[in-house]
Amino acid sequence: MNEVRREGDTVVRVAGPWTPTVHRYLRYLEMAGIDWAPKPLAVEGEHERLTFLDADVPVYPLPEYVWAEGVLDDGARMLRQLHDASIGFGLDDSVWQSRTKVPAEVICHNDFSPHNLGFRDGRIVGAIDFDMCSPGPRLWDLAYFATRVVPLGADTPAGAPTMAEARGRTERILRSYGSDATWDDVLRVAIIRLWDLADLSRDKAVELGKPELVENAQMYERDAGYLAEVRRAG
């Protein structure tokens, strides 16, 4: 849903009203010591230019290395770094593509998942696609990360751990992050997140004239319903 092209060691993407805020945020992260996020270089008319992350970004179906326990640990620790680094970022006159969520504890990536993570030798070395970031609760990012890498959903991807391992893997993410949230907390927020994604997919299907995105919405709704059943079962 976004035009992206590589030019040498840079990436050119379609810009939007939120781009100046995202660039200001990325510069703030760099000052706070985050060296694994893209660096903003320029806004050129209707496009933005950022540094290129030289790493493997997996596509679906996801490769087996994505399900390694080390990915749970690395991703959780990087999320903690990202969230902590955002504290103090000025919100005055900020424009975001994604809505602000409550409590607005930190700046969330909002799509921290394998298809936006760079890997080398099976380890996460960076994250990309910050254009959906916005203020929100830490658990918003943690719960979504868990849905993608635990994984949490009605259908288990080929080669992925099953739901029998889901609680232990989710609790491992929480420990690595340093969160006092519980398994039930993650399920509760993951369900809300999936319904949010379903609404977004339906809106994009109309906006972009891509009815195939309705299938994505149905998938998110099915996963949300499944996790609601898991939560009720305790």
Protein backbone atom coordinates (compact mmCIF):
# COMPACT_ATOMS: atom_id res chain seq x y z
CA MET A 1 0.00 0.00 0.00
CA ASN A 2 3.07 2.23 -0.26
CA GLU A 3 5.45 2.73 -3.17
CA VAL A 4 9.03 1.96 -2.09
CA ARG A 5 12.18 1.82 -4.18
CA ARG A 6 15.87 1.49 -3.42
CA GLU A 7 18.39 3.94 -4.84
CA GLY A 8 21.92 2.94 -3.85
CA ASP A 9 22.21 3.09 -0.07
CA THR A 10 18.93 4.96 0.28
CA VAL A 11 15.22 4.15 0.14
CA VAL A 12 12.63 6.42 -1.48
CA ARG A 13 9.03 6.23 -0.28
CA VAL A 14 5.81 8.16 -0.80
CA ALA A 15 5.57 10.91 1.81
CA GLY A 16 2.47 12.17 3.60
CA PRO A 17 1.40 14.91 6.02
CA TRP A 18 2.88 12.79 8.84
CA THR A 19 6.36 12.52 7.27
CA PRO A 20 7.91 15.62 8.96
CA THR A 21 6.82 14.27 12.36
CA VAL A 22 8.26 10.81 11.61
CA HIS A 23 11.55 12.32 10.43
CA ARG A 24 11.77 14.45 13.57
CA TYR A 25 11.09 11.33 15.63
CA LEU A 26 13.76 9.28 13.81
CA ARG A 27 16.32 12.03 14.41
CA TYR A 28 15.30 12.04 18.08
CA LEU A 29 15.86 8.27 18.26
CA GLU A 30 19.33 8.67 16.79
CA MET A 31 20.19 11.27 19.44
CA ALA A 32 18.89 8.86 22.09
CA GLY A 33 21.29 6.15 20.90
CA ILE A 34 19.10 4.02 18.60
CA ASP A 35 21.46 3.07 15.77
CA TRP A 36 19.30 0.39 14.13
CA ALA A 37 16.45 2.55 12.79
CA PRO A 38 16.44 4.30 9.40
CA LYS A 39 17.93 7.78 9.29
CA PRO A 40 15.86 10.45 7.51
CA LEU A 41 17.74 12.21 4.73
CA ALA A 42 15.23 14.46 2.97
CA VAL A 43 11.69 15.16 1.87
CA GLU A 44 11.72 15.61 -1.90
CA GLY A 45 8.37 16.80 -3.15
CA GLU A 46 5.92 13.95 -2.64
CA HIS A 47 8.62 11.49 -1.55
CA GLU A 48 10.89 10.93 1.44
CA ARG A 49 14.43 9.56 1.40
CA LEU A 50 15.91 7.43 4.19
CA THR A 51 18.96 5.26 4.72
CA PHE A 52 18.76 1.64 3.54
CA LEU A 53 18.97 -1.23 6.05
CA ASP A 54 21.31 -3.85 4.60
CA ALA A 55 19.62 -6.96 5.96
CA ASP A 56 17.16 -9.68 5.02
CA VAL A 57 13.53 -8.65 5.54
CA PRO A 58 11.44 -11.85 5.44
CA VAL A 59 8.29 -12.19 3.36
CA TYR A 60 5.39 -14.60 3.76
CA PRO A 61 5.50 -17.55 4.18
CA LEU A 62 7.99 -16.68 6.91
CA PRO A 63 11.29 -18.56 7.07
CA GLU A 64 11.95 -20.96 9.94
CA TYR A 65 14.48 -18.69 11.68
CA VAL A 66 11.72 -16.21 12.52
CA TRP A 67 10.34 -18.69 15.09
CA ALA A 68 13.60 -19.02 17.08
CA GLU A 69 13.39 -18.12 20.77
CA GLY A 70 16.23 -15.64 20.27
CA VAL A 71 13.93 -13.60 18.02
CA LEU A 72 11.46 -13.27 20.90
CA ASP A 73 14.25 -11.96 23.13
CA ASP A 74 15.87 -9.67 20.56
CA GLY A 75 12.59 -8.17 19.42
CA ALA A 76 11.36 -7.55 22.97
CA ARG A 77 14.62 -5.88 23.99
CA MET A 78 14.63 -3.70 20.89
CA LEU A 79 11.05 -2.64 21.57
CA ARG A 80 12.07 -1.68 25.10
CA GLN A 81 14.98 0.37 23.71
CA LEU A 82 12.67 2.01 21.18
CA HIS A 83 10.01 2.87 23.73
CA ASP A 84 12.42 4.17 26.35
CA ALA A 85 14.23 6.28 23.74
CA SER A 86 10.98 8.02 22.78
CA ILE A 87 10.43 9.47 26.26
CA GLY A 88 10.67 13.25 26.09
CA PHE A 89 9.80 13.53 22.40
CA GLY A 90 7.87 16.76 21.83
CA LEU A 91 4.31 16.22 20.65
CA ASP A 92 3.38 19.85 19.93
CA ASP A 93 2.00 20.22 16.38
CA SER A 94 2.77 16.55 15.59
CA VAL A 95 0.81 14.89 12.78
CA TRP A 96 0.51 11.09 12.79
CA GLN A 97 -0.81 8.64 10.22
CA SER A 98 -2.09 6.33 12.99
CA ARG A 99 -4.39 7.50 15.73
CA THR A 100 -2.98 8.16 19.20
CA LYS A 101 -3.91 5.45 21.71
CA VAL A 102 -4.38 5.74 25.46
CA PRO A 103 -2.44 5.74 27.64
CA ALA A 104 0.08 7.57 25.43
CA GLU A 105 3.09 6.25 27.35
CA VAL A 106 5.61 6.16 24.50
CA ILE A 107 5.84 6.39 20.71
CA CYS A 108 4.78 3.01 19.31
CA HIS A 109 6.11 1.59 16.06
CA ASN A 110 2.63 0.13 15.42
CA ASP A 111 3.86 -2.54 12.98
CA PHE A 112 6.81 -4.17 14.75
CA SER A 113 6.66 -7.58 13.09
CA PRO A 114 8.93 -9.81 10.94
CA HIS A 115 8.01 -8.14 7.64
CA ASN A 116 9.38 -4.86 9.06
CA LEU A 117 12.48 -6.30 10.73
CA GLY A 118 15.92 -6.83 9.20
CA PHE A 119 17.73 -10.10 9.96
CA ARG A 120 21.30 -11.28 9.58
CA ASP A 121 22.17 -14.89 10.42
CA GLY A 122 18.76 -15.29 12.03
CA ARG A 123 19.13 -12.36 14.43
CA ILE A 124 17.26 -9.05 14.30
CA VAL A 125 19.57 -6.16 13.44
CA GLY A 126 17.11 -3.37 12.70
CA ALA A 127 13.57 -2.23 12.03
CA ILE A 128 12.04 -0.33 9.11
CA ASP A 129 8.72 1.31 8.13
CA PHE A 130 8.19 3.79 10.94
CA ASP A 131 5.58 5.74 8.99
CA MET A 132 2.70 4.29 11.07
CA CYS A 133 4.24 5.24 14.42
CA SER A 134 2.21 7.26 16.94
CA PRO A 135 1.83 7.73 20.70
CA GLY A 136 0.35 4.80 22.60
CA PRO A 137 0.81 2.25 25.39
CA ARG A 138 3.84 -0.01 25.51
CA LEU A 139 1.56 -3.04 25.48
CA TRP A 140 0.10 -2.02 22.10
CA ASP A 141 3.42 -2.83 20.41
CA LEU A 142 4.18 -5.83 22.62
CA ALA A 143 0.83 -7.49 21.97
CA TYR A 144 1.10 -7.04 18.21
CA PHE A 145 4.68 -8.31 18.17
CA ALA A 146 3.44 -11.39 20.04
CA THR A 147 0.66 -12.05 17.51
CA ARG A 148 3.27 -12.18 14.74
CA VAL A 149 6.17 -14.10 16.33
CA VAL A 150 4.61 -16.32 19.00
CA PRO A 151 2.36 -16.57 16.88
CA LEU A 152 -1.17 -15.93 18.15
CA GLY A 153 -3.94 -16.71 15.71
CA ALA A 154 -6.54 -19.18 14.51
CA ASP A 155 -4.19 -20.80 11.99
CA THR A 156 -0.60 -21.80 12.79
CA PRO A 157 1.79 -20.95 9.90
CA ALA A 158 3.88 -23.78 8.49
CA GLY A 159 6.89 -24.47 10.69
CA ALA A 160 5.71 -22.18 13.50
CA PRO A 161 5.21 -23.20 17.14
CA THR A 162 1.65 -24.22 18.01
CA MET A 163 -0.74 -22.55 20.44
CA ALA A 164 0.34 -25.12 23.02
CA GLU A 165 3.55 -23.08 23.33
CA ALA A 166 1.91 -19.67 23.01
CA ARG A 167 1.62 -18.72 26.67
CA GLY A 168 5.24 -19.62 27.45
CA ARG A 169 6.55 -17.79 24.39
CA THR A 170 4.43 -14.72 25.17
CA GLU A 171 5.66 -14.65 28.76
CA ARG A 172 9.23 -14.89 27.46
CA ILE A 173 8.65 -11.71 25.41
CA LEU A 174 7.31 -9.95 28.50
CA ARG A 175 10.32 -11.01 30.60
CA SER A 176 12.81 -9.93 27.95
CA TYR A 177 11.08 -6.56 27.66
CA GLY A 178 10.90 -6.14 31.44
CA SER A 179 7.11 -5.78 31.49
CA ASP A 180 4.83 -6.65 34.39
CA ALA A 181 1.95 -7.34 31.98
CA THR A 182 0.35 -10.78 32.02
CA TRP A 183 -0.67 -13.36 29.44
CA ASP A 184 -4.27 -12.16 29.83
CA ASP A 185 -3.19 -8.53 29.30
CA VAL A 186 -1.51 -9.48 26.02
CA LEU A 187 -4.55 -11.41 24.80
CA ARG A 188 -6.88 -8.53 25.69
CA VAL A 189 -4.84 -5.94 23.78
CA ALA A 190 -4.05 -8.31 20.90
CA ILE A 191 -7.78 -8.82 20.33
CA ILE A 192 -8.37 -5.07 20.20
CA ARG A 193 -5.36 -4.64 17.91
CA LEU A 194 -6.68 -7.28 15.49
CA TRP A 195 -10.11 -5.64 15.32
CA ASP A 196 -8.34 -2.34 14.66
CA LEU A 197 -6.42 -3.93 11.78
CA ALA A 198 -9.64 -5.38 10.38
CA ASP A 199 -11.22 -1.92 10.30
CA LEU A 200 -8.09 -0.46 8.70
CA SER A 201 -8.05 -3.16 6.01
CA ARG A 202 -11.70 -2.53 5.13
CA ASP A 203 -11.08 1.22 4.92
CA LYS A 204 -8.06 0.68 2.67
CA ALA A 205 -10.05 -1.70 0.46
CA VAL A 206 -12.43 1.16 -0.31
CA GLU A 207 -9.80 3.93 -0.42
CA LEU A 208 -7.43 2.06 -2.75
CA GLY A 209 -10.05 0.15 -4.72
CA LYS A 210 -8.54 -3.18 -3.65
CA PRO A 211 -11.36 -5.55 -2.64
CA GLU A 212 -8.79 -8.28 -1.93
CA LEU A 213 -7.94 -6.42 1.28
CA VAL A 214 -11.34 -7.49 2.62
CA GLU A 215 -9.83 -10.98 2.92
CA ASN A 216 -7.20 -9.53 5.24
CA ALA A 217 -9.95 -7.97 7.34
CA GLN A 218 -11.72 -11.31 7.59
CA MET A 219 -8.47 -13.00 8.65
CA TYR A 220 -7.92 -10.43 11.42
CA GLU A 221 -11.52 -10.84 12.59
CA ARG A 222 -11.15 -14.63 12.66
CA ASP A 223 -7.94 -14.35 14.71
CA ALA A 224 -9.57 -11.88 17.10
CA GLY A 225 -12.50 -14.23 17.64
CA TYR A 226 -10.18 -17.17 18.22
CA LEU A 227 -8.10 -15.28 20.80
CA ALA A 228 -11.31 -14.21 22.56
CA GLU A 229 -12.17 -17.92 22.94
CA VAL A 230 -8.67 -18.66 24.25
CA ARG A 231 -9.01 -15.85 26.76
CA ARG A 232 -12.42 -17.04 27.97
CA ALA A 233 -11.00 -20.53 28.44
CA GLY A 234 -8.29 -19.09 30.69
